[in-house]
Amino acid sequence: MLLPLHTQLLGATLFLLPVAATAQHSYNRWEAQPPAPVAKPARPAATPSPARRTEVVTVVSTADSAAIATGKVSRVERVEIMPEFPGGSYNYQHYVRKNLKRPKGPRQTGVVQVTFTVLKSGAVADAHVKPGNGIDAAHDAAAVDLMSKAPRFTPGRREGGIADMEVTYPVEFR
């Protein structure tokens, strides 16, 4: 049985197509050269981040107001080191993820800002949520409970000595 000419040509083309592709692939492998190596950009040297945040606070007492008026400014500088969660912010986030108990009811997301006092011993006292810094009463209570049960912080320093300090930490509900 004889097939029309266009059917025969189509069949021959389909038969020879893999052969042509193999030949082209072989030619490409023979002619191609490996690409030139690309130099990696130099990374800037990492600067060590301080373990604790330090602030310089300028204090001017009312007794110094006369000195300011006369142009003889007397500045008293003190360094404050804020209280820190044991192990830093990474451990704080891990503590929140592991110990935060969601309240029953509708699932809400957001951030509750919990304000508390870190005592000289590092214990947490007087944890509360200031008005406007919460989600709702149930979520605020869960965040306050979480921070009240937090491990002892590294206490803060003021004027060279350990001091009680009020701090605010975020508690995120995802």
N, C-alpha and C. Protein backbone atom coordinates (compact mmCIF):
# COMPACT_ATOMS: atom_id res chain seq x y z
N MET A 1 0.84 -1.17 0.00
CA MET A 1 0.00 0.00 0.00
C MET A 1 0.89 1.24 0.00
N LEU A 2 0.58 2.12 -0.91
CA LEU A 2 1.35 3.34 -1.04
C LEU A 2 0.64 4.46 -0.31
N LEU A 3 1.42 5.21 0.44
CA LEU A 3 0.88 6.36 1.17
C LEU A 3 1.16 7.62 0.38
N PRO A 4 0.36 8.63 0.58
CA PRO A 4 0.63 9.89 -0.11
C PRO A 4 2.02 10.40 0.27
N LEU A 5 2.57 11.22 -0.60
CA LEU A 5 3.93 11.71 -0.43
C LEU A 5 4.13 12.50 0.86
N HIS A 6 3.18 13.35 1.22
CA HIS A 6 3.36 14.17 2.43
C HIS A 6 3.36 13.31 3.69
N THR A 7 2.64 12.20 3.70
CA THR A 7 2.63 11.30 4.84
C THR A 7 3.98 10.60 4.95
N GLN A 8 4.55 10.22 3.81
CA GLN A 8 5.86 9.57 3.82
C GLN A 8 6.94 10.53 4.32
N LEU A 9 6.87 11.79 3.85
CA LEU A 9 7.87 12.77 4.29
C LEU A 9 7.74 13.06 5.79
N LEU A 10 6.52 13.13 6.27
CA LEU A 10 6.30 13.38 7.70
C LEU A 10 6.86 12.23 8.53
N GLY A 11 6.64 11.02 8.08
CA GLY A 11 7.16 9.86 8.80
C GLY A 11 8.68 9.84 8.81
N ALA A 12 9.30 10.19 7.68
CA ALA A 12 10.76 10.21 7.61
C ALA A 12 11.32 11.30 8.52
N THR A 13 10.64 12.44 8.56
CA THR A 13 11.09 13.54 9.42
C THR A 13 11.01 13.14 10.88
N LEU A 14 9.92 12.53 11.28
CA LEU A 14 9.78 12.10 12.66
C LEU A 14 10.80 11.03 13.02
N PHE A 15 11.15 10.20 12.04
CA PHE A 15 12.14 9.17 12.28
C PHE A 15 13.54 9.76 12.44
N LEU A 16 13.86 10.79 11.65
CA LEU A 16 15.20 11.37 11.67
C LEU A 16 15.38 12.45 12.74
N LEU A 17 14.33 12.93 13.34
CA LEU A 17 14.42 14.00 14.33
C LEU A 17 15.28 13.61 15.53
N PRO A 18 15.11 12.44 16.14
CA PRO A 18 15.99 12.07 17.26
C PRO A 18 17.45 11.95 16.85
N VAL A 19 17.70 11.51 15.62
CA VAL A 19 19.07 11.39 15.14
C VAL A 19 19.71 12.76 15.04
N ALA A 20 18.97 13.74 14.54
CA ALA A 20 19.48 15.10 14.41
C ALA A 20 19.74 15.72 15.78
N ALA A 21 18.85 15.45 16.71
CA ALA A 21 19.02 16.00 18.06
C ALA A 21 20.26 15.41 18.73
N THR A 22 20.50 14.13 18.53
CA THR A 22 21.68 13.49 19.11
C THR A 22 22.94 14.08 18.50
N ALA A 23 22.94 14.30 17.21
CA ALA A 23 24.10 14.88 16.54
C ALA A 23 24.36 16.29 17.05
N GLN A 24 23.31 17.08 17.21
CA GLN A 24 23.48 18.45 17.70
C GLN A 24 24.03 18.44 19.13
N HIS A 25 23.51 17.55 19.96
CA HIS A 25 23.98 17.46 21.34
C HIS A 25 25.46 17.08 21.38
N SER A 26 25.86 16.13 20.52
CA SER A 26 27.25 15.71 20.46
C SER A 26 28.13 16.88 20.02
N TYR A 27 27.68 17.65 19.04
CA TYR A 27 28.43 18.80 18.55
C TYR A 27 28.57 19.86 19.64
N ASN A 28 27.49 20.11 20.37
CA ASN A 28 27.54 21.11 21.44
C ASN A 28 28.55 20.70 22.51
N ARG A 29 28.58 19.44 22.85
CA ARG A 29 29.52 18.97 23.87
C ARG A 29 30.95 19.10 23.39
N TRP A 30 31.18 18.87 22.09
CA TRP A 30 32.52 18.93 21.54
C TRP A 30 33.00 20.38 21.42
N GLU A 31 32.13 21.30 20.98
CA GLU A 31 32.49 22.69 20.75
C GLU A 31 32.46 23.54 22.01
N ALA A 32 31.60 23.21 22.91
CA ALA A 32 31.41 24.07 24.07
C ALA A 32 32.62 24.01 24.99
N GLN A 33 32.90 25.14 25.58
CA GLN A 33 33.97 25.21 26.57
C GLN A 33 33.32 25.49 27.91
N PRO A 34 33.95 25.06 28.97
CA PRO A 34 33.35 25.34 30.28
C PRO A 34 33.33 26.85 30.52
N PRO A 35 32.33 27.32 31.20
CA PRO A 35 32.25 28.76 31.45
C PRO A 35 33.39 29.22 32.34
N ALA A 36 33.76 30.46 32.15
CA ALA A 36 34.83 31.03 32.97
C ALA A 36 34.35 31.10 34.42
N PRO A 37 35.25 30.85 35.36
CA PRO A 37 34.82 30.90 36.77
C PRO A 37 34.41 32.33 37.15
N VAL A 38 33.39 32.40 37.96
CA VAL A 38 32.90 33.69 38.42
C VAL A 38 33.45 33.94 39.81
N ALA A 39 34.09 35.07 39.97
CA ALA A 39 34.65 35.40 41.28
C ALA A 39 33.53 35.80 42.23
N LYS A 40 33.58 35.25 43.43
CA LYS A 40 32.57 35.59 44.42
C LYS A 40 32.90 36.96 45.00
N PRO A 41 31.87 37.80 45.20
CA PRO A 41 32.15 39.11 45.78
C PRO A 41 32.63 38.95 47.22
N ALA A 42 33.55 39.80 47.59
CA ALA A 42 34.09 39.75 48.95
C ALA A 42 33.03 40.17 49.95
N ARG A 43 32.93 39.43 51.03
CA ARG A 43 31.95 39.75 52.07
C ARG A 43 32.59 40.74 53.03
N PRO A 44 31.84 41.75 53.42
CA PRO A 44 32.41 42.69 54.39
C PRO A 44 32.60 41.99 55.73
N ALA A 45 33.60 42.42 56.44
CA ALA A 45 33.88 41.83 57.75
C ALA A 45 32.72 42.11 58.69
N ALA A 46 32.31 41.09 59.38
CA ALA A 46 31.18 41.23 60.31
C ALA A 46 31.67 41.95 61.56
N THR A 47 30.88 42.93 61.96
CA THR A 47 31.22 43.63 63.19
C THR A 47 30.47 42.95 64.32
N PRO A 48 31.14 42.66 65.41
CA PRO A 48 30.45 41.99 66.51
C PRO A 48 29.39 42.91 67.10
N SER A 49 28.21 42.35 67.30
CA SER A 49 27.14 43.14 67.89
C SER A 49 27.26 43.07 69.41
N PRO A 50 27.00 44.17 70.07
CA PRO A 50 27.09 44.14 71.53
C PRO A 50 26.01 43.26 72.11
N ALA A 51 26.34 42.58 73.16
CA ALA A 51 25.39 41.66 73.78
C ALA A 51 24.25 42.42 74.47
N ARG A 52 24.54 43.62 74.93
CA ARG A 52 23.52 44.37 75.64
C ARG A 52 23.48 45.78 75.12
N ARG A 53 22.31 46.37 75.12
CA ARG A 53 22.13 47.73 74.64
C ARG A 53 22.61 48.71 75.71
N THR A 54 23.40 49.69 75.30
CA THR A 54 23.92 50.68 76.22
C THR A 54 23.48 52.06 75.75
N GLU A 55 23.01 52.86 76.65
CA GLU A 55 22.58 54.21 76.33
C GLU A 55 23.32 55.19 77.22
N VAL A 56 23.64 56.34 76.68
CA VAL A 56 24.22 57.40 77.49
C VAL A 56 23.12 58.41 77.74
N VAL A 57 22.85 58.66 79.00
CA VAL A 57 21.77 59.55 79.38
C VAL A 57 22.38 60.77 80.04
N THR A 58 22.00 61.95 79.59
CA THR A 58 22.49 63.18 80.19
C THR A 58 21.48 63.65 81.22
N VAL A 59 21.96 63.89 82.42
CA VAL A 59 21.09 64.30 83.51
C VAL A 59 21.50 65.70 83.94
N VAL A 60 20.55 66.60 83.98
CA VAL A 60 20.80 67.95 84.46
C VAL A 60 19.84 68.19 85.60
N SER A 61 20.37 68.43 86.78
CA SER A 61 19.51 68.64 87.94
C SER A 61 19.07 70.09 88.01
N THR A 62 18.11 70.36 88.90
CA THR A 62 17.64 71.74 89.06
C THR A 62 18.73 72.62 89.64
N ALA A 63 19.66 72.03 90.39
CA ALA A 63 20.77 72.80 90.94
C ALA A 63 21.68 73.30 89.83
N ASP A 64 21.70 72.57 88.71
CA ASP A 64 22.55 72.96 87.60
C ASP A 64 21.90 74.00 86.70
N SER A 65 20.64 74.34 86.94
CA SER A 65 19.97 75.30 86.07
C SER A 65 20.65 76.66 86.12
N ALA A 66 21.19 77.06 87.27
CA ALA A 66 21.91 78.33 87.37
C ALA A 66 23.19 78.27 86.55
N ALA A 67 23.86 77.13 86.56
CA ALA A 67 25.08 76.97 85.77
C ALA A 67 24.77 77.03 84.28
N ILE A 68 23.62 76.48 83.89
CA ILE A 68 23.22 76.53 82.49
C ILE A 68 22.95 77.97 82.08
N ALA A 69 22.27 78.73 82.96
CA ALA A 69 21.95 80.12 82.66
C ALA A 69 23.22 80.96 82.53
N THR A 70 24.24 80.67 83.31
CA THR A 70 25.49 81.45 83.24
C THR A 70 26.43 80.94 82.16
N GLY A 71 26.10 79.83 81.54
CA GLY A 71 26.94 79.30 80.48
C GLY A 71 27.91 78.24 80.95
N LYS A 72 27.95 77.99 82.24
CA LYS A 72 28.82 76.95 82.77
C LYS A 72 27.99 75.67 82.91
N VAL A 73 27.96 74.89 81.86
CA VAL A 73 27.13 73.70 81.85
C VAL A 73 27.87 72.56 82.53
N SER A 74 27.22 71.99 83.51
CA SER A 74 27.78 70.85 84.21
C SER A 74 26.95 69.64 83.83
N ARG A 75 27.56 68.68 83.14
CA ARG A 75 26.81 67.50 82.71
C ARG A 75 27.22 66.30 83.54
N VAL A 76 26.24 65.57 83.92
CA VAL A 76 26.49 64.31 84.61
C VAL A 76 26.04 63.22 83.65
N GLU A 77 26.96 62.37 83.24
CA GLU A 77 26.61 61.30 82.32
C GLU A 77 26.61 59.98 83.06
N ARG A 78 25.65 59.17 82.76
CA ARG A 78 25.59 57.84 83.35
C ARG A 78 25.28 56.86 82.24
N VAL A 79 25.76 55.69 82.39
CA VAL A 79 25.52 54.65 81.40
C VAL A 79 24.46 53.73 81.96
N GLU A 80 23.42 53.49 81.16
CA GLU A 80 22.37 52.55 81.56
C GLU A 80 22.48 51.31 80.70
N ILE A 81 22.45 50.19 81.33
CA ILE A 81 22.40 48.91 80.62
C ILE A 81 21.04 48.33 80.93
N MET A 82 20.26 48.15 79.88
CA MET A 82 18.89 47.68 80.06
C MET A 82 18.87 46.20 80.47
N PRO A 83 17.85 45.79 81.22
CA PRO A 83 17.72 44.38 81.56
C PRO A 83 17.58 43.54 80.29
N GLU A 84 18.07 42.31 80.37
CA GLU A 84 18.05 41.46 79.19
C GLU A 84 17.52 40.07 79.54
N PHE A 85 16.72 39.52 78.64
CA PHE A 85 16.23 38.16 78.79
C PHE A 85 17.43 37.22 78.75
N PRO A 86 17.46 36.18 79.59
CA PRO A 86 18.61 35.27 79.59
C PRO A 86 18.81 34.63 78.21
N GLY A 87 19.96 34.85 77.63
CA GLY A 87 20.25 34.28 76.31
C GLY A 87 19.94 35.22 75.17
N GLY A 88 19.39 36.38 75.43
CA GLY A 88 19.14 37.37 74.38
C GLY A 88 17.80 37.21 73.69
N SER A 89 17.65 37.93 72.58
CA SER A 89 16.36 38.00 71.90
C SER A 89 15.97 36.66 71.26
N TYR A 90 16.95 35.88 70.79
CA TYR A 90 16.63 34.58 70.19
C TYR A 90 15.96 33.68 71.23
N ASN A 91 16.53 33.62 72.42
CA ASN A 91 15.94 32.79 73.48
C ASN A 91 14.60 33.35 73.94
N TYR A 92 14.43 34.67 73.90
CA TYR A 92 13.14 35.26 74.26
C TYR A 92 12.07 34.80 73.27
N GLN A 93 12.37 34.87 71.98
CA GLN A 93 11.40 34.44 70.97
C GLN A 93 11.07 32.96 71.12
N HIS A 94 12.08 32.16 71.41
CA HIS A 94 11.86 30.73 71.63
C HIS A 94 10.97 30.51 72.86
N TYR A 95 11.22 31.26 73.93
CA TYR A 95 10.41 31.16 75.15
C TYR A 95 8.95 31.51 74.85
N VAL A 96 8.72 32.56 74.08
CA VAL A 96 7.35 32.97 73.75
C VAL A 96 6.67 31.88 72.93
N ARG A 97 7.34 31.38 71.89
CA ARG A 97 6.73 30.34 71.05
C ARG A 97 6.39 29.09 71.84
N LYS A 98 7.26 28.72 72.77
CA LYS A 98 7.08 27.47 73.51
C LYS A 98 6.06 27.59 74.64
N ASN A 99 5.95 28.75 75.29
CA ASN A 99 5.16 28.87 76.51
C ASN A 99 3.89 29.71 76.40
N LEU A 100 3.68 30.39 75.29
CA LEU A 100 2.49 31.24 75.15
C LEU A 100 1.25 30.36 75.00
N LYS A 101 0.28 30.58 75.87
CA LYS A 101 -0.97 29.83 75.81
C LYS A 101 -2.05 30.75 75.25
N ARG A 102 -2.56 30.37 74.09
CA ARG A 102 -3.61 31.16 73.45
C ARG A 102 -4.89 31.07 74.26
N PRO A 103 -5.59 32.19 74.38
CA PRO A 103 -6.88 32.14 75.07
C PRO A 103 -7.92 31.45 74.19
N LYS A 104 -8.92 30.88 74.84
CA LYS A 104 -10.01 30.26 74.09
C LYS A 104 -10.84 31.37 73.46
N GLY A 105 -11.50 31.04 72.40
CA GLY A 105 -12.32 32.04 71.71
C GLY A 105 -11.78 32.26 70.31
N PRO A 106 -12.20 33.36 69.69
CA PRO A 106 -11.77 33.60 68.31
C PRO A 106 -10.25 33.81 68.23
N ARG A 107 -9.68 33.25 67.20
CA ARG A 107 -8.22 33.36 67.01
C ARG A 107 -7.92 34.74 66.43
N GLN A 108 -7.13 35.50 67.18
CA GLN A 108 -6.74 36.83 66.73
C GLN A 108 -5.23 36.91 66.65
N THR A 109 -4.76 37.76 65.77
CA THR A 109 -3.32 37.98 65.65
C THR A 109 -3.01 39.42 66.02
N GLY A 110 -1.80 39.64 66.46
CA GLY A 110 -1.37 40.98 66.82
C GLY A 110 -0.27 40.92 67.86
N VAL A 111 0.12 42.10 68.32
CA VAL A 111 1.20 42.21 69.29
C VAL A 111 0.68 42.90 70.54
N VAL A 112 0.98 42.32 71.69
CA VAL A 112 0.64 42.90 72.98
C VAL A 112 1.94 43.40 73.60
N GLN A 113 1.98 44.67 73.97
CA GLN A 113 3.17 45.25 74.61
C GLN A 113 2.99 45.12 76.12
N VAL A 114 3.79 44.26 76.75
CA VAL A 114 3.70 44.02 78.19
C VAL A 114 4.79 44.85 78.88
N THR A 115 4.37 45.69 79.82
CA THR A 115 5.30 46.50 80.60
C THR A 115 5.44 45.87 81.98
N PHE A 116 6.68 45.77 82.46
CA PHE A 116 6.92 45.16 83.77
C PHE A 116 8.21 45.72 84.35
N THR A 117 8.42 45.44 85.62
CA THR A 117 9.62 45.89 86.31
C THR A 117 10.55 44.70 86.50
N VAL A 118 11.81 44.87 86.11
CA VAL A 118 12.82 43.85 86.38
C VAL A 118 13.53 44.30 87.65
N LEU A 119 13.37 43.51 88.70
CA LEU A 119 13.95 43.84 90.00
C LEU A 119 15.46 43.61 89.99
N LYS A 120 16.13 44.06 91.05
CA LYS A 120 17.58 43.88 91.17
C LYS A 120 17.96 42.40 91.12
N SER A 121 17.06 41.56 91.58
CA SER A 121 17.32 40.11 91.56
C SER A 121 17.12 39.50 90.18
N GLY A 122 16.52 40.26 89.24
CA GLY A 122 16.23 39.76 87.91
C GLY A 122 14.81 39.24 87.76
N ALA A 123 14.07 39.20 88.88
CA ALA A 123 12.69 38.71 88.84
C ALA A 123 11.79 39.74 88.17
N VAL A 124 10.69 39.25 87.59
CA VAL A 124 9.71 40.11 86.94
C VAL A 124 8.62 40.45 87.95
N ALA A 125 8.26 41.74 88.04
CA ALA A 125 7.22 42.18 88.96
C ALA A 125 6.32 43.19 88.24
N ASP A 126 5.08 43.27 88.69
CA ASP A 126 4.13 44.28 88.22
C ASP A 126 3.95 44.26 86.70
N ALA A 127 3.75 43.08 86.13
CA ALA A 127 3.52 42.99 84.68
C ALA A 127 2.11 43.46 84.38
N HIS A 128 1.98 44.32 83.37
CA HIS A 128 0.68 44.84 82.97
C HIS A 128 0.75 45.33 81.52
N VAL A 129 -0.43 45.54 80.95
CA VAL A 129 -0.52 46.07 79.59
C VAL A 129 -1.12 47.47 79.71
N LYS A 130 -0.41 48.45 79.19
CA LYS A 130 -0.91 49.82 79.23
C LYS A 130 -2.06 49.95 78.23
N PRO A 131 -3.02 50.82 78.52
CA PRO A 131 -4.16 50.99 77.61
C PRO A 131 -3.69 51.33 76.19
N GLY A 132 -4.28 50.65 75.23
CA GLY A 132 -3.94 50.88 73.83
C GLY A 132 -2.79 50.02 73.32
N ASN A 133 -2.20 49.21 74.18
CA ASN A 133 -1.07 48.37 73.78
C ASN A 133 -1.42 46.89 73.73
N GLY A 134 -2.70 46.56 73.71
CA GLY A 134 -3.11 45.16 73.71
C GLY A 134 -4.03 44.83 72.57
N ILE A 135 -4.56 43.60 72.61
CA ILE A 135 -5.51 43.14 71.59
C ILE A 135 -6.91 43.12 72.19
N ASP A 136 -7.10 42.29 73.19
CA ASP A 136 -8.34 42.26 73.96
C ASP A 136 -7.99 41.72 75.34
N ALA A 137 -8.96 41.67 76.24
CA ALA A 137 -8.68 41.32 77.63
C ALA A 137 -8.07 39.91 77.76
N ALA A 138 -8.58 38.95 77.00
CA ALA A 138 -8.09 37.57 77.11
C ALA A 138 -6.64 37.46 76.61
N HIS A 139 -6.34 38.07 75.48
CA HIS A 139 -4.98 38.01 74.95
C HIS A 139 -4.02 38.80 75.84
N ASP A 140 -4.47 39.93 76.36
CA ASP A 140 -3.62 40.71 77.27
C ASP A 140 -3.29 39.90 78.52
N ALA A 141 -4.29 39.21 79.07
CA ALA A 141 -4.07 38.40 80.28
C ALA A 141 -3.09 37.25 80.00
N ALA A 142 -3.19 36.64 78.82
CA ALA A 142 -2.27 35.55 78.46
C ALA A 142 -0.84 36.08 78.34
N ALA A 143 -0.68 37.26 77.77
CA ALA A 143 0.66 37.85 77.63
C ALA A 143 1.24 38.23 78.99
N VAL A 144 0.42 38.80 79.87
CA VAL A 144 0.88 39.17 81.21
C VAL A 144 1.27 37.92 81.99
N ASP A 145 0.47 36.86 81.87
CA ASP A 145 0.78 35.60 82.55
C ASP A 145 2.11 35.02 82.04
N LEU A 146 2.33 35.09 80.74
CA LEU A 146 3.58 34.60 80.15
C LEU A 146 4.78 35.35 80.73
N MET A 147 4.70 36.67 80.78
CA MET A 147 5.84 37.45 81.26
C MET A 147 6.01 37.33 82.77
N SER A 148 4.92 37.12 83.50
CA SER A 148 5.03 36.94 84.95
C SER A 148 5.78 35.66 85.31
N LYS A 149 5.68 34.65 84.43
CA LYS A 149 6.34 33.37 84.67
C LYS A 149 7.70 33.26 83.98
N ALA A 150 8.18 34.36 83.41
CA ALA A 150 9.45 34.34 82.68
C ALA A 150 10.61 34.05 83.63
N PRO A 151 11.67 33.44 83.11
CA PRO A 151 12.85 33.22 83.96
C PRO A 151 13.48 34.56 84.34
N ARG A 152 14.36 34.50 85.31
CA ARG A 152 15.00 35.74 85.79
C ARG A 152 15.82 36.40 84.67
N PHE A 153 15.63 37.70 84.54
CA PHE A 153 16.37 38.49 83.58
C PHE A 153 17.75 38.82 84.13
N THR A 154 18.65 39.23 83.26
CA THR A 154 19.90 39.83 83.71
C THR A 154 19.53 41.25 84.10
N PRO A 155 19.72 41.65 85.35
CA PRO A 155 19.23 42.96 85.78
C PRO A 155 19.96 44.10 85.08
N GLY A 156 19.29 45.25 85.03
CA GLY A 156 19.88 46.42 84.40
C GLY A 156 20.79 47.17 85.36
N ARG A 157 21.60 48.05 84.79
CA ARG A 157 22.53 48.85 85.61
C ARG A 157 22.26 50.33 85.35
N ARG A 158 22.29 51.07 86.43
CA ARG A 158 22.11 52.52 86.36
C ARG A 158 23.11 53.15 87.31
N GLU A 159 23.86 54.11 86.81
CA GLU A 159 24.86 54.83 87.60
C GLU A 159 25.85 53.87 88.26
N GLY A 160 26.23 52.85 87.53
CA GLY A 160 27.24 51.93 88.02
C GLY A 160 26.74 50.80 88.89
N GLY A 161 25.49 50.85 89.32
CA GLY A 161 24.97 49.80 90.18
C GLY A 161 23.74 49.13 89.59
N ILE A 162 23.43 47.97 90.11
CA ILE A 162 22.24 47.25 89.67
C ILE A 162 21.01 47.99 90.20
N ALA A 163 19.99 48.12 89.35
CA ALA A 163 18.80 48.88 89.74
C ALA A 163 17.55 48.22 89.18
N ASP A 164 16.41 48.47 89.85
CA ASP A 164 15.12 48.06 89.32
C ASP A 164 14.82 48.91 88.09
N MET A 165 14.32 48.30 87.03
CA MET A 165 14.01 49.05 85.81
C MET A 165 12.71 48.57 85.21
N GLU A 166 11.95 49.51 84.67
CA GLU A 166 10.72 49.18 83.98
C GLU A 166 11.03 49.03 82.50
N VAL A 167 10.59 47.92 81.92
CA VAL A 167 10.82 47.66 80.50
C VAL A 167 9.52 47.21 79.85
N THR A 168 9.49 47.27 78.54
CA THR A 168 8.34 46.82 77.76
C THR A 168 8.83 45.81 76.73
N TYR A 169 8.19 44.65 76.71
CA TYR A 169 8.54 43.60 75.75
C TYR A 169 7.31 43.26 74.93
N PRO A 170 7.47 42.97 73.63
CA PRO A 170 6.34 42.58 72.80
C PRO A 170 6.06 41.08 72.93
N VAL A 171 4.78 40.74 72.92
CA VAL A 171 4.36 39.33 72.86
C VAL A 171 3.48 39.22 71.63
N GLU A 172 3.94 38.44 70.64
CA GLU A 172 3.23 38.36 69.37
C GLU A 172 2.34 37.13 69.31
N PHE A 173 1.09 37.37 68.95
CA PHE A 173 0.14 36.29 68.70
C PHE A 173 0.05 36.13 67.20
N ARG A 174 0.42 34.94 66.69
CA ARG A 174 0.40 34.70 65.24
C ARG A 174 -0.80 33.90 64.86
